[in-house]
N, C-alpha and C. Protein backbone atom coordinates (compact mmCIF):
# COMPACT_ATOMS: atom_id res chain seq x y z
N MET A 1 7.23 -4.22 -14.21
CA MET A 1 6.57 -5.01 -13.15
C MET A 1 5.15 -5.41 -13.54
N PHE A 2 4.38 -4.42 -14.06
CA PHE A 2 3.01 -4.72 -14.49
C PHE A 2 2.87 -4.73 -16.00
N GLY A 3 3.84 -4.15 -16.70
CA GLY A 3 3.73 -4.07 -18.14
C GLY A 3 2.90 -2.86 -18.57
N ASP A 4 2.36 -2.93 -19.78
CA ASP A 4 1.57 -1.83 -20.32
C ASP A 4 0.23 -1.75 -19.58
N LEU A 5 0.07 -0.73 -18.74
CA LEU A 5 -1.13 -0.60 -17.92
C LEU A 5 -2.32 -0.07 -18.72
N LYS A 6 -2.14 0.15 -19.99
CA LYS A 6 -3.26 0.55 -20.84
C LYS A 6 -3.87 -0.69 -21.51
N THR A 7 -3.35 -1.88 -21.18
CA THR A 7 -3.89 -3.13 -21.70
C THR A 7 -4.58 -3.90 -20.58
N ALA A 8 -5.46 -4.81 -20.97
CA ALA A 8 -6.18 -5.62 -19.97
C ALA A 8 -5.21 -6.48 -19.17
N ALA A 9 -4.15 -6.97 -19.84
CA ALA A 9 -3.18 -7.82 -19.14
C ALA A 9 -2.44 -7.03 -18.06
N GLY A 10 -2.08 -5.78 -18.37
CA GLY A 10 -1.40 -4.95 -17.39
C GLY A 10 -2.27 -4.65 -16.19
N VAL A 11 -3.54 -4.32 -16.45
CA VAL A 11 -4.46 -4.00 -15.35
C VAL A 11 -4.72 -5.24 -14.50
N LYS A 12 -4.80 -6.41 -15.15
CA LYS A 12 -5.02 -7.65 -14.39
C LYS A 12 -3.83 -7.95 -13.49
N ALA A 13 -2.61 -7.72 -14.01
CA ALA A 13 -1.41 -7.94 -13.20
C ALA A 13 -1.40 -7.00 -12.00
N LEU A 14 -1.82 -5.74 -12.22
CA LEU A 14 -1.90 -4.76 -11.13
C LEU A 14 -2.94 -5.21 -10.10
N ASP A 15 -4.09 -5.70 -10.58
CA ASP A 15 -5.15 -6.13 -9.67
C ASP A 15 -4.69 -7.30 -8.80
N GLN A 16 -3.97 -8.24 -9.40
CA GLN A 16 -3.49 -9.40 -8.63
C GLN A 16 -2.48 -8.96 -7.59
N TYR A 17 -1.66 -7.99 -7.93
CA TYR A 17 -0.67 -7.48 -6.96
C TYR A 17 -1.37 -6.78 -5.80
N LEU A 18 -2.39 -5.96 -6.10
CA LEU A 18 -3.08 -5.19 -5.08
C LEU A 18 -4.04 -6.04 -4.25
N ALA A 19 -4.24 -7.29 -4.64
CA ALA A 19 -5.06 -8.19 -3.82
C ALA A 19 -4.37 -8.46 -2.48
N GLU A 20 -3.05 -8.32 -2.44
CA GLU A 20 -2.29 -8.59 -1.22
C GLU A 20 -1.50 -7.37 -0.74
N ASN A 21 -1.63 -6.24 -1.45
CA ASN A 21 -0.88 -5.04 -1.08
C ASN A 21 -1.81 -3.83 -1.17
N SER A 22 -1.70 -2.92 -0.19
CA SER A 22 -2.54 -1.73 -0.21
C SER A 22 -1.99 -0.66 -1.15
N TYR A 23 -0.66 -0.62 -1.30
CA TYR A 23 -0.03 0.39 -2.15
C TYR A 23 1.07 -0.26 -2.98
N ILE A 24 1.58 0.46 -3.95
CA ILE A 24 2.62 -0.07 -4.83
C ILE A 24 3.91 -0.33 -4.06
N GLU A 25 4.22 0.55 -3.11
CA GLU A 25 5.40 0.38 -2.26
C GLU A 25 5.02 0.63 -0.82
N GLY A 26 5.40 -0.27 0.08
CA GLY A 26 5.24 -0.02 1.50
C GLY A 26 3.80 0.06 1.97
N TYR A 27 3.59 0.85 3.04
CA TYR A 27 2.30 0.89 3.71
C TYR A 27 1.61 2.25 3.63
N VAL A 28 2.20 3.19 2.92
CA VAL A 28 1.58 4.49 2.71
C VAL A 28 1.78 4.89 1.25
N PRO A 29 0.96 5.80 0.72
CA PRO A 29 1.12 6.19 -0.68
C PRO A 29 2.50 6.81 -0.94
N SER A 30 3.03 6.55 -2.14
CA SER A 30 4.30 7.14 -2.56
C SER A 30 4.18 7.54 -4.02
N GLN A 31 5.29 8.11 -4.54
CA GLN A 31 5.27 8.51 -5.94
C GLN A 31 5.14 7.29 -6.87
N ALA A 32 5.41 6.09 -6.34
CA ALA A 32 5.19 4.88 -7.14
C ALA A 32 3.71 4.75 -7.47
N ASP A 33 2.84 5.08 -6.49
CA ASP A 33 1.40 5.04 -6.73
C ASP A 33 1.00 6.08 -7.79
N THR A 34 1.63 7.27 -7.69
CA THR A 34 1.35 8.32 -8.67
C THR A 34 1.73 7.87 -10.08
N ALA A 35 2.92 7.25 -10.22
CA ALA A 35 3.39 6.81 -11.53
C ALA A 35 2.46 5.77 -12.14
N VAL A 36 2.04 4.80 -11.34
CA VAL A 36 1.16 3.75 -11.85
C VAL A 36 -0.23 4.32 -12.15
N PHE A 37 -0.72 5.21 -11.28
CA PHE A 37 -2.02 5.86 -11.49
C PHE A 37 -2.04 6.59 -12.83
N GLN A 38 -0.97 7.34 -13.12
CA GLN A 38 -0.91 8.12 -14.35
C GLN A 38 -0.71 7.25 -15.59
N ALA A 39 -0.16 6.03 -15.39
CA ALA A 39 0.06 5.14 -16.52
C ALA A 39 -1.22 4.45 -16.99
N LEU A 40 -2.23 4.43 -16.13
CA LEU A 40 -3.51 3.83 -16.51
C LEU A 40 -4.27 4.74 -17.47
N LYS A 41 -5.07 4.16 -18.33
CA LYS A 41 -5.85 4.99 -19.26
C LYS A 41 -7.15 5.48 -18.64
N GLY A 42 -7.43 4.99 -17.43
CA GLY A 42 -8.65 5.39 -16.73
C GLY A 42 -8.91 4.44 -15.60
N ALA A 43 -10.07 4.54 -15.00
CA ALA A 43 -10.42 3.68 -13.87
C ALA A 43 -10.52 2.23 -14.32
N PRO A 44 -9.93 1.29 -13.57
CA PRO A 44 -10.07 -0.13 -13.90
C PRO A 44 -11.53 -0.55 -13.84
N GLY A 45 -11.86 -1.64 -14.50
CA GLY A 45 -13.24 -2.12 -14.50
C GLY A 45 -13.59 -2.89 -13.24
N SER A 46 -14.86 -3.21 -13.12
CA SER A 46 -15.33 -3.94 -11.93
C SER A 46 -14.77 -5.36 -11.87
N ASP A 47 -14.24 -5.86 -12.99
CA ASP A 47 -13.66 -7.21 -12.98
C ASP A 47 -12.27 -7.22 -12.35
N THR A 48 -11.74 -6.04 -12.04
CA THR A 48 -10.47 -5.94 -11.31
C THR A 48 -10.72 -5.08 -10.06
N PRO A 49 -11.45 -5.63 -9.07
CA PRO A 49 -11.90 -4.84 -7.92
C PRO A 49 -10.78 -4.26 -7.06
N HIS A 50 -9.67 -4.99 -6.94
CA HIS A 50 -8.58 -4.50 -6.09
C HIS A 50 -7.92 -3.28 -6.73
N ALA A 51 -7.72 -3.34 -8.05
CA ALA A 51 -7.14 -2.19 -8.76
C ALA A 51 -8.10 -1.01 -8.72
N LEU A 52 -9.40 -1.28 -8.84
CA LEU A 52 -10.40 -0.20 -8.82
C LEU A 52 -10.44 0.47 -7.45
N ARG A 53 -10.39 -0.35 -6.38
CA ARG A 53 -10.39 0.21 -5.03
C ARG A 53 -9.17 1.11 -4.81
N TRP A 54 -7.99 0.63 -5.24
CA TRP A 54 -6.76 1.41 -5.10
C TRP A 54 -6.84 2.69 -5.95
N TYR A 55 -7.35 2.59 -7.17
CA TYR A 55 -7.44 3.74 -8.07
C TYR A 55 -8.29 4.85 -7.45
N ASN A 56 -9.46 4.50 -6.93
CA ASN A 56 -10.35 5.50 -6.32
C ASN A 56 -9.72 6.12 -5.08
N HIS A 57 -8.99 5.31 -4.32
CA HIS A 57 -8.34 5.82 -3.10
C HIS A 57 -7.26 6.85 -3.46
N ILE A 58 -6.39 6.51 -4.42
CA ILE A 58 -5.33 7.43 -4.82
C ILE A 58 -5.93 8.68 -5.47
N LYS A 59 -6.98 8.51 -6.27
CA LYS A 59 -7.62 9.65 -6.94
C LYS A 59 -8.18 10.64 -5.93
N SER A 60 -8.60 10.15 -4.76
CA SER A 60 -9.22 11.04 -3.75
C SER A 60 -8.25 12.08 -3.22
N PHE A 61 -6.94 11.86 -3.40
CA PHE A 61 -5.96 12.82 -2.90
C PHE A 61 -5.78 14.02 -3.83
N GLY A 62 -6.21 13.89 -5.08
CA GLY A 62 -6.13 15.01 -6.00
C GLY A 62 -4.72 15.60 -6.06
N GLU A 63 -4.63 16.92 -5.83
CA GLU A 63 -3.33 17.59 -5.83
C GLU A 63 -2.43 17.08 -4.72
N GLY A 64 -3.02 16.45 -3.71
CA GLY A 64 -2.23 15.94 -2.60
C GLY A 64 -1.25 14.85 -3.00
N MET A 65 -1.40 14.28 -4.20
CA MET A 65 -0.48 13.25 -4.64
C MET A 65 0.93 13.78 -4.80
N LYS A 66 1.06 15.10 -4.99
CA LYS A 66 2.38 15.69 -5.19
C LYS A 66 3.27 15.55 -3.95
N GLN A 67 2.64 15.42 -2.78
CA GLN A 67 3.43 15.37 -1.55
C GLN A 67 3.76 13.94 -1.14
N PHE A 68 3.35 12.93 -1.94
CA PHE A 68 3.68 11.55 -1.61
C PHE A 68 5.19 11.37 -1.54
N ALA A 69 5.64 10.47 -0.70
CA ALA A 69 7.07 10.20 -0.55
C ALA A 69 7.65 9.69 -1.87
N LYS A 70 8.94 9.94 -2.05
CA LYS A 70 9.63 9.51 -3.26
C LYS A 70 9.65 8.00 -3.36
N ALA A 71 9.44 7.47 -4.57
CA ALA A 71 9.44 6.02 -4.77
C ALA A 71 10.88 5.50 -4.79
N SER A 72 11.05 4.22 -4.45
CA SER A 72 12.39 3.64 -4.44
C SER A 72 12.84 3.23 -5.84
N LYS A 73 11.89 3.17 -6.78
CA LYS A 73 12.20 2.80 -8.16
C LYS A 73 11.66 3.86 -9.11
N SER A 74 12.16 3.85 -10.34
CA SER A 74 11.64 4.76 -11.35
C SER A 74 10.28 4.29 -11.84
N ALA A 75 9.56 5.19 -12.49
CA ALA A 75 8.24 4.83 -13.02
C ALA A 75 8.33 3.68 -14.02
N ASP A 76 9.42 3.64 -14.80
CA ASP A 76 9.57 2.58 -15.80
C ASP A 76 9.62 1.20 -15.17
N ALA A 77 10.07 1.13 -13.93
CA ALA A 77 10.17 -0.17 -13.26
C ALA A 77 8.80 -0.81 -13.07
N TYR A 78 7.73 0.00 -13.08
CA TYR A 78 6.38 -0.52 -12.86
C TYR A 78 5.58 -0.62 -14.15
N THR A 79 5.97 0.09 -15.18
CA THR A 79 5.16 0.13 -16.39
C THR A 79 5.85 -0.43 -17.62
N ALA A 80 7.14 -0.79 -17.54
CA ALA A 80 7.85 -1.30 -18.70
C ALA A 80 7.87 -2.83 -18.68
N GLY A 81 8.06 -3.42 -19.85
CA GLY A 81 8.18 -4.87 -19.93
C GLY A 81 6.84 -5.56 -20.04
N LYS A 82 6.86 -6.86 -20.02
CA LYS A 82 5.65 -7.65 -20.16
C LYS A 82 4.88 -7.71 -18.85
N ALA A 83 3.56 -7.75 -18.94
CA ALA A 83 2.74 -7.88 -17.73
C ALA A 83 2.99 -9.25 -17.12
N ALA A 84 3.18 -9.26 -15.81
CA ALA A 84 3.47 -10.52 -15.12
C ALA A 84 2.25 -11.01 -14.38
N ALA A 85 2.10 -12.28 -14.29
CA ALA A 85 1.03 -12.87 -13.48
C ALA A 85 1.39 -12.67 -12.03
N ALA A 86 0.37 -12.64 -11.19
CA ALA A 86 0.63 -12.40 -9.76
C ALA A 86 1.56 -13.46 -9.20
N ALA A 87 1.43 -14.69 -9.68
CA ALA A 87 2.27 -15.75 -9.14
C ALA A 87 3.74 -15.51 -9.43
N ALA A 88 4.05 -14.74 -10.44
CA ALA A 88 5.44 -14.47 -10.78
C ALA A 88 6.11 -13.64 -9.72
N ASP A 89 5.30 -12.90 -8.92
CA ASP A 89 5.86 -12.07 -7.86
C ASP A 89 5.98 -12.81 -6.54
N ASP A 90 5.50 -14.04 -6.50
CA ASP A 90 5.51 -14.82 -5.26
C ASP A 90 6.85 -15.50 -5.10
N ASP A 91 7.48 -15.36 -3.94
CA ASP A 91 8.79 -15.96 -3.70
C ASP A 91 8.77 -17.46 -3.90
N ASP A 92 7.58 -18.09 -3.68
CA ASP A 92 7.51 -19.54 -3.83
C ASP A 92 7.87 -19.97 -5.24
N GLU A 93 7.58 -19.09 -6.22
CA GLU A 93 7.81 -19.46 -7.61
C GLU A 93 9.29 -19.40 -7.97
N ASP A 94 10.14 -18.87 -7.07
CA ASP A 94 11.57 -18.84 -7.34
C ASP A 94 12.15 -20.24 -7.36
N VAL A 95 11.45 -21.20 -6.78
CA VAL A 95 11.94 -22.57 -6.72
C VAL A 95 11.18 -23.42 -7.73
N ASP A 96 11.89 -23.95 -8.71
CA ASP A 96 11.29 -24.81 -9.72
C ASP A 96 11.37 -26.24 -9.20
N LEU A 97 10.21 -26.76 -8.75
CA LEU A 97 10.23 -28.06 -8.09
C LEU A 97 10.58 -29.21 -9.04
N PHE A 98 10.12 -29.09 -10.27
CA PHE A 98 10.29 -30.22 -11.17
C PHE A 98 10.88 -29.74 -12.51
N GLY A 99 11.95 -28.98 -12.43
CA GLY A 99 12.57 -28.45 -13.63
C GLY A 99 12.97 -29.55 -14.60
N SER A 100 12.82 -29.28 -15.90
CA SER A 100 13.09 -30.30 -16.91
C SER A 100 14.48 -30.15 -17.49
N ASP A 101 15.07 -31.25 -17.85
CA ASP A 101 16.38 -31.27 -18.50
C ASP A 101 16.33 -32.37 -19.54
N GLU A 102 16.25 -31.99 -20.80
CA GLU A 102 16.07 -32.97 -21.87
C GLU A 102 17.23 -33.95 -21.95
N ASP A 103 18.40 -33.53 -21.46
CA ASP A 103 19.56 -34.41 -21.52
C ASP A 103 19.62 -35.37 -20.34
N GLU A 104 18.69 -35.20 -19.38
CA GLU A 104 18.70 -36.02 -18.17
C GLU A 104 17.93 -37.31 -18.42
N GLU A 105 18.61 -38.41 -18.42
CA GLU A 105 17.97 -39.69 -18.71
C GLU A 105 18.01 -40.65 -17.53
N ASP A 106 18.82 -40.36 -16.58
CA ASP A 106 18.98 -41.25 -15.44
C ASP A 106 17.88 -40.97 -14.42
N ASP A 107 16.99 -41.93 -14.18
CA ASP A 107 15.88 -41.75 -13.25
C ASP A 107 16.36 -41.43 -11.85
N GLU A 108 17.43 -42.06 -11.41
CA GLU A 108 17.95 -41.81 -10.07
C GLU A 108 18.43 -40.38 -9.94
N GLU A 109 19.06 -39.88 -10.97
CA GLU A 109 19.55 -38.50 -10.94
C GLU A 109 18.38 -37.52 -10.90
N LYS A 110 17.34 -37.83 -11.66
CA LYS A 110 16.15 -36.98 -11.65
C LYS A 110 15.52 -36.96 -10.26
N LYS A 111 15.48 -38.12 -9.62
CA LYS A 111 14.90 -38.20 -8.28
C LYS A 111 15.72 -37.39 -7.29
N ARG A 112 17.06 -37.47 -7.41
CA ARG A 112 17.92 -36.71 -6.51
C ARG A 112 17.73 -35.21 -6.68
N VAL A 113 17.66 -34.75 -7.94
CA VAL A 113 17.48 -33.33 -8.21
C VAL A 113 16.14 -32.85 -7.67
N THR A 114 15.09 -33.65 -7.86
CA THR A 114 13.77 -33.29 -7.37
C THR A 114 13.76 -33.15 -5.85
N GLU A 115 14.41 -34.12 -5.18
CA GLU A 115 14.47 -34.07 -3.71
C GLU A 115 15.22 -32.86 -3.22
N GLU A 116 16.30 -32.48 -3.92
CA GLU A 116 17.07 -31.29 -3.54
C GLU A 116 16.22 -30.03 -3.68
N ARG A 117 15.46 -29.97 -4.75
CA ARG A 117 14.62 -28.79 -4.97
C ARG A 117 13.48 -28.73 -3.97
N LEU A 118 12.94 -29.87 -3.62
CA LEU A 118 11.90 -29.90 -2.58
C LEU A 118 12.46 -29.44 -1.24
N ALA A 119 13.68 -29.84 -0.95
CA ALA A 119 14.32 -29.42 0.30
C ALA A 119 14.58 -27.91 0.29
N ALA A 120 15.00 -27.39 -0.86
CA ALA A 120 15.25 -25.94 -0.97
C ALA A 120 13.96 -25.16 -0.81
N TYR A 121 12.88 -25.69 -1.38
CA TYR A 121 11.57 -25.05 -1.25
C TYR A 121 11.12 -25.01 0.21
N ALA A 122 11.26 -26.16 0.90
CA ALA A 122 10.86 -26.24 2.30
C ALA A 122 11.69 -25.29 3.16
N ALA A 123 12.99 -25.19 2.85
CA ALA A 123 13.86 -24.29 3.62
C ALA A 123 13.45 -22.84 3.43
N LYS A 124 13.10 -22.47 2.19
CA LYS A 124 12.69 -21.09 1.92
C LYS A 124 11.39 -20.76 2.63
N LYS A 125 10.45 -21.70 2.63
CA LYS A 125 9.17 -21.48 3.31
C LYS A 125 9.37 -21.29 4.81
N SER A 126 10.30 -22.05 5.38
CA SER A 126 10.50 -21.98 6.84
C SER A 126 11.15 -20.68 7.26
N LYS A 127 11.83 -20.00 6.33
CA LYS A 127 12.53 -18.76 6.67
C LYS A 127 11.66 -17.51 6.48
N LYS A 128 10.45 -17.69 5.96
CA LYS A 128 9.59 -16.53 5.75
C LYS A 128 9.22 -15.91 7.08
N PRO A 129 9.35 -14.58 7.22
CA PRO A 129 9.02 -13.94 8.50
C PRO A 129 7.53 -13.99 8.79
N ALA A 130 7.21 -13.95 10.07
CA ALA A 130 5.81 -13.94 10.48
C ALA A 130 5.12 -12.66 9.99
N VAL A 131 3.88 -12.79 9.55
CA VAL A 131 3.13 -11.64 9.05
C VAL A 131 2.68 -10.76 10.22
N ILE A 132 2.97 -9.47 10.13
CA ILE A 132 2.56 -8.52 11.16
C ILE A 132 1.27 -7.84 10.70
N ALA A 133 0.21 -8.01 11.47
CA ALA A 133 -1.08 -7.43 11.10
C ALA A 133 -1.03 -5.91 11.22
N LYS A 134 -1.38 -5.21 10.14
CA LYS A 134 -1.36 -3.76 10.11
C LYS A 134 -2.65 -3.22 9.51
N THR A 135 -2.97 -1.98 9.84
CA THR A 135 -4.17 -1.33 9.32
C THR A 135 -3.82 0.06 8.82
N SER A 136 -4.31 0.38 7.63
CA SER A 136 -4.18 1.74 7.09
C SER A 136 -5.41 2.53 7.54
N VAL A 137 -5.18 3.68 8.18
CA VAL A 137 -6.27 4.47 8.74
C VAL A 137 -6.25 5.88 8.14
N LEU A 138 -7.42 6.35 7.69
CA LEU A 138 -7.57 7.72 7.21
C LEU A 138 -8.40 8.48 8.25
N LEU A 139 -7.80 9.52 8.83
CA LEU A 139 -8.45 10.28 9.90
C LEU A 139 -8.96 11.63 9.39
N ASP A 140 -10.14 12.02 9.84
CA ASP A 140 -10.68 13.37 9.62
C ASP A 140 -10.49 14.16 10.91
N VAL A 141 -9.66 15.21 10.83
CA VAL A 141 -9.40 16.04 12.01
C VAL A 141 -10.05 17.40 11.76
N LYS A 142 -11.03 17.77 12.57
CA LYS A 142 -11.79 19.00 12.35
C LYS A 142 -11.34 20.11 13.30
N PRO A 143 -11.14 21.32 12.75
CA PRO A 143 -10.73 22.47 13.57
C PRO A 143 -11.94 23.14 14.21
N TRP A 144 -11.69 24.13 15.03
CA TRP A 144 -12.78 24.87 15.67
C TRP A 144 -13.47 25.83 14.71
N ASP A 145 -12.65 26.52 13.90
CA ASP A 145 -13.22 27.51 12.99
C ASP A 145 -12.24 27.79 11.86
N ASP A 146 -12.58 28.77 11.01
CA ASP A 146 -11.74 29.06 9.85
C ASP A 146 -10.48 29.83 10.22
N GLU A 147 -10.33 30.21 11.49
CA GLU A 147 -9.13 30.92 11.92
C GLU A 147 -8.07 29.98 12.50
N THR A 148 -8.40 28.70 12.61
CA THR A 148 -7.43 27.73 13.13
C THR A 148 -6.26 27.60 12.17
N ASN A 149 -5.05 27.63 12.71
CA ASN A 149 -3.85 27.47 11.89
C ASN A 149 -3.69 26.00 11.53
N MET A 150 -4.01 25.65 10.27
CA MET A 150 -4.02 24.25 9.87
C MET A 150 -2.62 23.65 9.78
N ASP A 151 -1.63 24.49 9.47
CA ASP A 151 -0.25 23.98 9.44
C ASP A 151 0.20 23.56 10.83
N GLU A 152 -0.15 24.38 11.83
CA GLU A 152 0.20 24.03 13.19
C GLU A 152 -0.60 22.81 13.67
N MET A 153 -1.84 22.72 13.20
CA MET A 153 -2.63 21.53 13.54
C MET A 153 -1.97 20.27 13.01
N LEU A 154 -1.56 20.30 11.72
CA LEU A 154 -0.91 19.14 11.12
C LEU A 154 0.37 18.78 11.87
N ALA A 155 1.17 19.80 12.21
CA ALA A 155 2.42 19.55 12.93
C ALA A 155 2.13 18.91 14.29
N SER A 156 1.07 19.36 14.95
CA SER A 156 0.71 18.80 16.25
C SER A 156 0.28 17.35 16.11
N VAL A 157 -0.55 17.08 15.10
CA VAL A 157 -1.04 15.72 14.89
C VAL A 157 0.13 14.77 14.65
N LYS A 158 1.04 15.16 13.75
CA LYS A 158 2.16 14.28 13.41
C LYS A 158 3.24 14.25 14.48
N SER A 159 3.10 15.08 15.51
CA SER A 159 4.04 15.01 16.63
C SER A 159 3.72 13.83 17.54
N VAL A 160 2.55 13.24 17.37
CA VAL A 160 2.18 12.07 18.16
C VAL A 160 3.04 10.88 17.72
N GLU A 161 3.77 10.31 18.65
CA GLU A 161 4.63 9.17 18.36
C GLU A 161 4.22 7.98 19.20
N MET A 162 4.04 6.83 18.54
CA MET A 162 3.70 5.59 19.23
C MET A 162 4.43 4.45 18.52
N ASP A 163 4.87 3.50 19.29
CA ASP A 163 5.52 2.33 18.71
C ASP A 163 4.52 1.60 17.82
N GLY A 164 4.86 1.45 16.53
CA GLY A 164 3.95 0.80 15.60
C GLY A 164 3.10 1.77 14.80
N LEU A 165 3.36 3.07 14.92
CA LEU A 165 2.60 4.11 14.19
C LEU A 165 3.50 4.78 13.16
N VAL A 166 3.02 4.86 11.92
CA VAL A 166 3.74 5.55 10.84
C VAL A 166 2.79 6.53 10.17
N TRP A 167 3.14 7.82 10.14
CA TRP A 167 2.30 8.83 9.51
C TRP A 167 2.53 8.84 8.00
N GLY A 168 1.48 9.17 7.25
CA GLY A 168 1.57 9.24 5.81
C GLY A 168 1.15 10.59 5.27
N ALA A 169 0.54 10.59 4.08
CA ALA A 169 0.17 11.84 3.40
C ALA A 169 -1.03 12.51 4.07
N SER A 170 -1.19 13.78 3.76
CA SER A 170 -2.31 14.54 4.32
C SER A 170 -2.81 15.55 3.29
N LYS A 171 -4.05 16.04 3.51
CA LYS A 171 -4.59 17.09 2.65
C LYS A 171 -5.70 17.81 3.40
N LEU A 172 -6.03 19.02 2.92
CA LEU A 172 -7.12 19.81 3.50
C LEU A 172 -8.35 19.67 2.61
N VAL A 173 -9.52 19.47 3.24
CA VAL A 173 -10.77 19.27 2.51
C VAL A 173 -11.80 20.29 2.98
N PRO A 174 -12.32 21.13 2.07
CA PRO A 174 -13.33 22.12 2.47
C PRO A 174 -14.59 21.44 3.00
N ILE A 175 -15.15 22.00 4.09
CA ILE A 175 -16.39 21.43 4.65
C ILE A 175 -17.47 22.50 4.78
N GLY A 176 -17.20 23.74 4.34
CA GLY A 176 -18.21 24.79 4.34
C GLY A 176 -17.85 25.98 5.21
N TYR A 177 -18.39 27.16 4.82
CA TYR A 177 -18.19 28.41 5.56
C TYR A 177 -16.71 28.76 5.72
N GLY A 178 -15.93 28.41 4.72
CA GLY A 178 -14.51 28.74 4.74
C GLY A 178 -13.67 27.83 5.63
N ILE A 179 -14.31 26.82 6.22
CA ILE A 179 -13.60 25.91 7.12
C ILE A 179 -13.14 24.67 6.34
N LYS A 180 -11.93 24.22 6.65
CA LYS A 180 -11.40 23.01 6.03
C LYS A 180 -11.03 22.01 7.13
N LYS A 181 -11.25 20.74 6.84
CA LYS A 181 -10.81 19.70 7.76
C LYS A 181 -9.50 19.11 7.26
N LEU A 182 -8.75 18.53 8.15
CA LEU A 182 -7.48 17.89 7.81
C LEU A 182 -7.72 16.39 7.67
N GLN A 183 -7.36 15.85 6.51
CA GLN A 183 -7.37 14.40 6.32
C GLN A 183 -5.93 13.93 6.34
N VAL A 184 -5.63 12.99 7.22
CA VAL A 184 -4.25 12.52 7.34
C VAL A 184 -4.26 11.00 7.44
N MET A 185 -3.32 10.38 6.74
CA MET A 185 -3.22 8.93 6.72
C MET A 185 -2.15 8.45 7.68
N CYS A 186 -2.34 7.24 8.18
CA CYS A 186 -1.32 6.60 8.99
C CYS A 186 -1.48 5.09 8.88
N VAL A 187 -0.43 4.37 9.24
CA VAL A 187 -0.47 2.92 9.29
C VAL A 187 -0.12 2.51 10.72
N VAL A 188 -0.92 1.61 11.29
CA VAL A 188 -0.69 1.17 12.67
C VAL A 188 -0.54 -0.34 12.71
N GLU A 189 0.33 -0.81 13.60
CA GLU A 189 0.43 -2.24 13.88
C GLU A 189 -0.68 -2.58 14.87
N ASP A 190 -1.53 -3.51 14.50
CA ASP A 190 -2.73 -3.79 15.27
C ASP A 190 -2.45 -4.18 16.72
N LEU A 191 -1.36 -4.90 16.96
CA LEU A 191 -1.07 -5.38 18.31
C LEU A 191 -0.41 -4.31 19.18
N LYS A 192 0.03 -3.23 18.57
CA LYS A 192 0.77 -2.21 19.32
C LYS A 192 -0.01 -0.90 19.50
N VAL A 193 -0.85 -0.57 18.55
CA VAL A 193 -1.49 0.75 18.56
C VAL A 193 -3.01 0.61 18.63
N SER A 194 -3.60 1.30 19.59
CA SER A 194 -5.05 1.40 19.69
C SER A 194 -5.48 2.66 18.95
N VAL A 195 -6.36 2.50 17.96
CA VAL A 195 -6.82 3.67 17.20
C VAL A 195 -7.60 4.62 18.11
N ASP A 196 -8.33 4.08 19.06
CA ASP A 196 -9.06 4.93 20.01
C ASP A 196 -8.09 5.78 20.83
N GLU A 197 -7.00 5.19 21.26
CA GLU A 197 -6.01 5.94 22.03
C GLU A 197 -5.36 7.01 21.15
N LEU A 198 -5.12 6.67 19.89
CA LEU A 198 -4.54 7.64 18.96
C LEU A 198 -5.47 8.83 18.80
N GLN A 199 -6.77 8.59 18.66
CA GLN A 199 -7.74 9.68 18.55
C GLN A 199 -7.71 10.57 19.79
N GLU A 200 -7.61 9.95 20.96
CA GLU A 200 -7.57 10.73 22.20
C GLU A 200 -6.34 11.61 22.27
N LYS A 201 -5.20 11.09 21.82
CA LYS A 201 -3.97 11.88 21.83
C LYS A 201 -4.09 13.09 20.92
N ILE A 202 -4.74 12.90 19.77
CA ILE A 202 -4.91 14.02 18.83
C ILE A 202 -5.89 15.05 19.39
N GLU A 203 -6.98 14.58 19.97
CA GLU A 203 -7.99 15.48 20.53
C GLU A 203 -7.46 16.27 21.73
N ALA A 204 -6.32 15.82 22.27
CA ALA A 204 -5.72 16.55 23.39
C ALA A 204 -5.16 17.91 22.96
N PHE A 205 -4.96 18.10 21.65
CA PHE A 205 -4.51 19.40 21.14
C PHE A 205 -5.74 20.31 21.01
N GLU A 206 -6.27 20.72 22.14
CA GLU A 206 -7.55 21.42 22.18
C GLU A 206 -7.52 22.80 21.54
N ASP A 207 -6.34 23.39 21.40
CA ASP A 207 -6.26 24.71 20.77
C ASP A 207 -6.60 24.65 19.28
N TYR A 208 -6.41 23.48 18.68
CA TYR A 208 -6.63 23.33 17.23
C TYR A 208 -7.76 22.36 16.90
N VAL A 209 -7.87 21.28 17.66
CA VAL A 209 -8.72 20.16 17.27
C VAL A 209 -10.07 20.19 17.99
N GLN A 210 -11.14 20.17 17.18
CA GLN A 210 -12.48 20.05 17.75
C GLN A 210 -12.87 18.58 17.90
N SER A 211 -12.56 17.77 16.87
CA SER A 211 -12.90 16.35 16.92
C SER A 211 -12.05 15.57 15.92
N VAL A 212 -12.00 14.25 16.14
CA VAL A 212 -11.27 13.34 15.24
C VAL A 212 -12.19 12.17 14.90
N ASP A 213 -12.38 11.91 13.62
CA ASP A 213 -13.21 10.80 13.17
C ASP A 213 -12.40 9.90 12.25
N ILE A 214 -12.78 8.63 12.18
CA ILE A 214 -12.14 7.69 11.27
C ILE A 214 -12.92 7.72 9.95
N ALA A 215 -12.24 8.15 8.89
CA ALA A 215 -12.88 8.23 7.57
C ALA A 215 -12.83 6.90 6.84
N ALA A 216 -11.74 6.15 7.06
CA ALA A 216 -11.60 4.85 6.39
C ALA A 216 -10.55 4.02 7.09
N MET A 217 -10.76 2.69 7.07
CA MET A 217 -9.78 1.76 7.62
C MET A 217 -9.66 0.57 6.67
N ASN A 218 -8.41 0.16 6.38
CA ASN A 218 -8.20 -0.98 5.51
C ASN A 218 -7.10 -1.87 6.10
N LYS A 219 -7.39 -3.15 6.24
CA LYS A 219 -6.38 -4.08 6.71
C LYS A 219 -5.31 -4.26 5.63
N ILE A 220 -4.07 -4.36 6.06
CA ILE A 220 -2.95 -4.51 5.12
C ILE A 220 -2.45 -5.96 5.20
């Protein structure tokens, strides 16, 4: 899909893909992100800002990457073959508007073929589904003290169900004096889920949760 990610061409292909996608697959981190992360020789340069942003985000999970959901493809599917330009992944490019045929000499036939391809292109564009606005949210959930059962806290947080809400990976982050906060990711549909309401639902678990803060938000 991206080719050799240790080359500039591979990193550029990854950057172009991540310009329109937050993760390699879907809306939350998966083992596909882990595979691509490990295939890189290091952090992308500033000339590939989308790849660099994604790299730093995935790196922040550290050991937490092990719990990412299983990828739908093998690692080779993302790192083998020639690096592709971003346009190669665009469905629009599936339609060759002005394909050449050296044996085609009849101008009328060429015109007919061109018109058919233009019609096929227009039909494909009209069938594209409407884009659903979504946001990736990273929440910091703080416990009362070091005796709070963090596993039960996580279970309580992920028990919150809302139409348009999908929970993702989580990890514990030390904040001092033996206390750890819970960082948990989720993806919300902007028109269906209020992040403020989600915070209130989590804070309702008063036996475990002292406060909930938004650590990061990214439009998808």
